Amino acid sequence: MRTVQERTEQVDVYYREQGIDTFFELNPGNHYTDVEKRTAAGIRWLLGK
């Protein structure tokens, strides 16, 4: 899974270098931890754009 995190961070950097506004955040737990809260946070970020 460490490789997944590293690759995701690389994609985030690549998009930023292309001028694409991104937001990458690590959260404790796994894909099934606080799904509703994480989804809501993503939607709030998008609506704030």
PDB file of N, CA and C in Angstrom:
ATOM      1  N   MET A   1       0.821  -1.202   0.000  1.00  0.00           N
ATOM      2  CA  MET A   1       0.000   0.000   0.000  1.00  0.00           C
ATOM      3  C   MET A   1       0.857   1.255   0.000  1.00  0.00           C
ATOM      4  N   ARG A   2       2.067   1.162   0.502  1.00  0.00           N
ATOM      5  CA  ARG A   2       2.946   2.331   0.523  1.00  0.00           C
ATOM      6  C   ARG A   2       3.159   2.856  -0.897  1.00  0.00           C
ATOM      7  N   THR A   3       3.292   1.947  -1.850  1.00  0.00           N
ATOM      8  CA  THR A   3       3.476   2.353  -3.240  1.00  0.00           C
ATOM      9  C   THR A   3       2.271   3.146  -3.735  1.00  0.00           C
ATOM     10  N   VAL A   4       1.074   2.743  -3.327  1.00  0.00           N
ATOM     11  CA  VAL A   4      -0.135   3.460  -3.734  1.00  0.00           C
ATOM     12  C   VAL A   4      -0.066   4.900  -3.237  1.00  0.00           C
ATOM     13  N   GLN A   5       0.320   5.101  -1.987  1.00  0.00           N
ATOM     14  CA  GLN A   5       0.432   6.459  -1.441  1.00  0.00           C
ATOM     15  C   GLN A   5       1.483   7.259  -2.200  1.00  0.00           C
ATOM     16  N   GLU A   6       2.635   6.664  -2.437  1.00  0.00           N
ATOM     17  CA  GLU A   6       3.699   7.370  -3.157  1.00  0.00           C
ATOM     18  C   GLU A   6       3.234   7.772  -4.552  1.00  0.00           C
ATOM     19  N   ARG A   7       2.589   6.885  -5.256  1.00  0.00           N
ATOM     20  CA  ARG A   7       2.118   7.177  -6.615  1.00  0.00           C
ATOM     21  C   ARG A   7       1.039   8.255  -6.599  1.00  0.00           C
ATOM     22  N   THR A   8       0.155   8.189  -5.622  1.00  0.00           N
ATOM     23  CA  THR A   8      -0.906   9.194  -5.513  1.00  0.00           C
ATOM     24  C   THR A   8      -0.297  10.567  -5.258  1.00  0.00           C
ATOM     25  N   GLU A   9       0.704  10.635  -4.400  1.00  0.00           N
ATOM     26  CA  GLU A   9       1.388  11.902  -4.136  1.00  0.00           C
ATOM     27  C   GLU A   9       2.083  12.411  -5.400  1.00  0.00           C
ATOM     28  N   GLN A  10       2.663  11.512  -6.181  1.00  0.00           N
ATOM     29  CA  GLN A  10       3.305  11.914  -7.441  1.00  0.00           C
ATOM     30  C   GLN A  10       2.286  12.481  -8.425  1.00  0.00           C
ATOM     31  N   VAL A  11       1.113  11.874  -8.494  1.00  0.00           N
ATOM     32  CA  VAL A  11       0.058  12.372  -9.378  1.00  0.00           C
ATOM     33  C   VAL A  11      -0.388  13.756  -8.924  1.00  0.00           C
ATOM     34  N   ASP A  12      -0.508  13.952  -7.618  1.00  0.00           N
ATOM     35  CA  ASP A  12      -0.887  15.250  -7.074  1.00  0.00           C
ATOM     36  C   ASP A  12       0.129  16.319  -7.493  1.00  0.00           C
ATOM     37  N   VAL A  13       1.406  16.019  -7.351  1.00  0.00           N
ATOM     38  CA  VAL A  13       2.461  16.957  -7.747  1.00  0.00           C
ATOM     39  C   VAL A  13       2.395  17.233  -9.244  1.00  0.00           C
ATOM     40  N   TYR A  14       2.224  16.194 -10.042  1.00  0.00           N
ATOM     41  CA  TYR A  14       2.139  16.361 -11.494  1.00  0.00           C
ATOM     42  C   TYR A  14       1.004  17.304 -11.875  1.00  0.00           C
ATOM     43  N   TYR A  15      -0.175  17.078 -11.305  1.00  0.00           N
ATOM     44  CA  TYR A  15      -1.317  17.941 -11.620  1.00  0.00           C
ATOM     45  C   TYR A  15      -1.046  19.381 -11.208  1.00  0.00           C
ATOM     46  N   ARG A  16      -0.452  19.584 -10.054  1.00  0.00           N
ATOM     47  CA  ARG A  16      -0.136  20.945  -9.611  1.00  0.00           C
ATOM     48  C   ARG A  16       0.842  21.621 -10.574  1.00  0.00           C
ATOM     49  N   GLU A  17       1.812  20.861 -11.050  1.00  0.00           N
ATOM     50  CA  GLU A  17       2.772  21.399 -12.019  1.00  0.00           C
ATOM     51  C   GLU A  17       2.091  21.781 -13.334  1.00  0.00           C
ATOM     52  N   GLN A  18       0.977  21.125 -13.631  1.00  0.00           N
ATOM     53  CA  GLN A  18       0.217  21.437 -14.835  1.00  0.00           C
ATOM     54  C   GLN A  18      -0.749  22.593 -14.615  1.00  0.00           C
ATOM     55  N   GLY A  19      -0.765  23.160 -13.396  1.00  0.00           N
ATOM     56  CA  GLY A  19      -1.649  24.271 -13.085  1.00  0.00           C
ATOM     57  C   GLY A  19      -3.048  23.835 -12.654  1.00  0.00           C
ATOM     58  N   ILE A  20      -3.207  22.560 -12.359  1.00  0.00           N
ATOM     59  CA  ILE A  20      -4.504  22.037 -11.936  1.00  0.00           C
ATOM     60  C   ILE A  20      -4.559  22.073 -10.416  1.00  0.00           C
ATOM     61  N   ASP A  21      -5.564  22.733  -9.881  1.00  0.00           N
ATOM     62  CA  ASP A  21      -5.721  22.857  -8.442  1.00  0.00           C
ATOM     63  C   ASP A  21      -6.189  21.526  -7.869  1.00  0.00           C
ATOM     64  N   THR A  22      -5.424  20.985  -6.950  1.00  0.00           N
ATOM     65  CA  THR A  22      -5.769  19.713  -6.328  1.00  0.00           C
ATOM     66  C   THR A  22      -5.709  19.832  -4.815  1.00  0.00           C
ATOM     67  N   PHE A  23      -6.268  18.849  -4.155  1.00  0.00           N
ATOM     68  CA  PHE A  23      -6.202  18.768  -2.700  1.00  0.00           C
ATOM     69  C   PHE A  23      -6.021  17.314  -2.332  1.00  0.00           C
ATOM     70  N   PHE A  24      -4.880  16.999  -1.740  1.00  0.00           N
ATOM     71  CA  PHE A  24      -4.575  15.629  -1.329  1.00  0.00           C
ATOM     72  C   PHE A  24      -4.453  15.612   0.181  1.00  0.00           C
ATOM     73  N   GLU A  25      -5.161  14.691   0.817  1.00  0.00           N
ATOM     74  CA  GLU A  25      -5.143  14.622   2.271  1.00  0.00           C
ATOM     75  C   GLU A  25      -5.123  13.161   2.698  1.00  0.00           C
ATOM     76  N   LEU A  26      -4.211  12.835   3.594  1.00  0.00           N
ATOM     77  CA  LEU A  26      -4.177  11.492   4.169  1.00  0.00           C
ATOM     78  C   LEU A  26      -5.057  11.478   5.407  1.00  0.00           C
ATOM     79  N   ASN A  27      -5.839  10.429   5.531  1.00  0.00           N
ATOM     80  CA  ASN A  27      -6.712  10.270   6.683  1.00  0.00           C
ATOM     81  C   ASN A  27      -6.392   8.959   7.362  1.00  0.00           C
ATOM     82  N   PRO A  28      -6.529   8.918   8.688  1.00  0.00           N
ATOM     83  CA  PRO A  28      -6.286   7.647   9.377  1.00  0.00           C
ATOM     84  C   PRO A  28      -7.357   6.625   9.015  1.00  0.00           C
ATOM     85  N   GLY A  29      -6.980   5.374   9.069  1.00  0.00           N
ATOM     86  CA  GLY A  29      -7.943   4.317   8.780  1.00  0.00           C
ATOM     87  C   GLY A  29      -7.775   3.789   7.369  1.00  0.00           C
ATOM     88  N   ASN A  30      -8.878   3.325   6.813  1.00  0.00           N
ATOM     89  CA  ASN A  30      -8.843   2.749   5.473  1.00  0.00           C
ATOM     90  C   ASN A  30     -10.001   3.309   4.652  1.00  0.00           C
ATOM     91  N   HIS A  31     -10.272   2.706   3.512  1.00  0.00           N
ATOM     92  CA  HIS A  31     -11.330   3.199   2.625  1.00  0.00           C
ATOM     93  C   HIS A  31     -12.704   3.200   3.271  1.00  0.00           C
ATOM     94  N   TYR A  32     -12.879   2.403   4.296  1.00  0.00           N
ATOM     95  CA  TYR A  32     -14.198   2.253   4.914  1.00  0.00           C
ATOM     96  C   TYR A  32     -14.337   3.053   6.207  1.00  0.00           C
ATOM     97  N   THR A  33     -13.308   3.822   6.554  1.00  0.00           N
ATOM     98  CA  THR A  33     -13.335   4.616   7.774  1.00  0.00           C
ATOM     99  C   THR A  33     -13.849   6.016   7.462  1.00  0.00           C
ATOM    100  N   ASP A  34     -14.912   6.420   8.120  1.00  0.00           N
ATOM    101  CA  ASP A  34     -15.462   7.778   7.996  1.00  0.00           C
ATOM    102  C   ASP A  34     -15.745   8.173   6.552  1.00  0.00           C
ATOM    103  N   VAL A  35     -16.309   7.262   5.786  1.00  0.00           N
ATOM    104  CA  VAL A  35     -16.577   7.517   4.368  1.00  0.00           C
ATOM    105  C   VAL A  35     -17.422   8.776   4.187  1.00  0.00           C
ATOM    106  N   GLU A  36     -18.477   8.902   4.969  1.00  0.00           N
ATOM    107  CA  GLU A  36     -19.380  10.049   4.812  1.00  0.00           C
ATOM    108  C   GLU A  36     -18.653  11.360   5.096  1.00  0.00           C
ATOM    109  N   LYS A  37     -17.832  11.388   6.144  1.00  0.00           N
ATOM    110  CA  LYS A  37     -17.094  12.610   6.502  1.00  0.00           C
ATOM    111  C   LYS A  37     -16.079  12.978   5.428  1.00  0.00           C
ATOM    112  N   ARG A  38     -15.372  11.973   4.911  1.00  0.00           N
ATOM    113  CA  ARG A  38     -14.367  12.252   3.884  1.00  0.00           C
ATOM    114  C   ARG A  38     -15.017  12.713   2.585  1.00  0.00           C
ATOM    115  N   THR A  39     -16.130  12.098   2.234  1.00  0.00           N
ATOM    116  CA  THR A  39     -16.855  12.514   1.030  1.00  0.00           C
ATOM    117  C   THR A  39     -17.378  13.931   1.189  1.00  0.00           C
ATOM    118  N   ALA A  40     -17.939  14.238   2.350  1.00  0.00           N
ATOM    119  CA  ALA A  40     -18.448  15.593   2.613  1.00  0.00           C
ATOM    120  C   ALA A  40     -17.318  16.613   2.550  1.00  0.00           C
ATOM    121  N   ALA A  41     -16.151  16.274   3.064  1.00  0.00           N
ATOM    122  CA  ALA A  41     -15.012  17.189   3.016  1.00  0.00           C
ATOM    123  C   ALA A  41     -14.614  17.466   1.563  1.00  0.00           C
ATOM    124  N   GLY A  42     -14.636  16.449   0.731  1.00  0.00           N
ATOM    125  CA  GLY A  42     -14.318  16.628  -0.686  1.00  0.00           C
ATOM    126  C   GLY A  42     -15.330  17.510  -1.387  1.00  0.00           C
ATOM    127  N   ILE A  43     -16.585  17.311  -1.072  1.00  0.00           N
ATOM    128  CA  ILE A  43     -17.640  18.135  -1.678  1.00  0.00           C
ATOM    129  C   ILE A  43     -17.510  19.581  -1.220  1.00  0.00           C
ATOM    130  N   ARG A  44     -17.230  19.788   0.087  1.00  0.00           N
ATOM    131  CA  ARG A  44     -17.032  21.165   0.580  1.00  0.00           C
ATOM    132  C   ARG A  44     -15.874  21.828  -0.146  1.00  0.00           C
ATOM    133  N   TRP A  45     -14.770  21.089  -0.369  1.00  0.00           N
ATOM    134  CA  TRP A  45     -13.629  21.653  -1.075  1.00  0.00           C
ATOM    135  C   TRP A  45     -14.034  22.057  -2.494  1.00  0.00           C
ATOM    136  N   LEU A  46     -14.761  21.185  -3.183  1.00  0.00           N
ATOM    137  CA  LEU A  46     -15.194  21.493  -4.550  1.00  0.00           C
ATOM    138  C   LEU A  46     -16.122  22.716  -4.594  1.00  0.00           C
ATOM    139  N   LEU A  47     -17.043  22.803  -3.651  1.00  0.00           N
ATOM    140  CA  LEU A  47     -17.982  23.919  -3.636  1.00  0.00           C
ATOM    141  C   LEU A  47     -17.308  25.243  -3.283  1.00  0.00           C
ATOM    142  N   GLY A  48     -16.184  25.150  -2.598  1.00  0.00           N
ATOM    143  CA  GLY A  48     -15.438  26.355  -2.232  1.00  0.00           C
ATOM    144  C   GLY A  48     -14.590  26.894  -3.367  1.00  0.00           C
ATOM    145  N   LYS A  49     -14.569  26.207  -4.479  1.00  0.00           N
ATOM    146  CA  LYS A  49     -13.754  26.618  -5.635  1.00  0.00           C
ATOM    147  C   LYS A  49     -14.443  27.705  -6.397  1.00  0.00           C
TER     148      LYS A  49
END
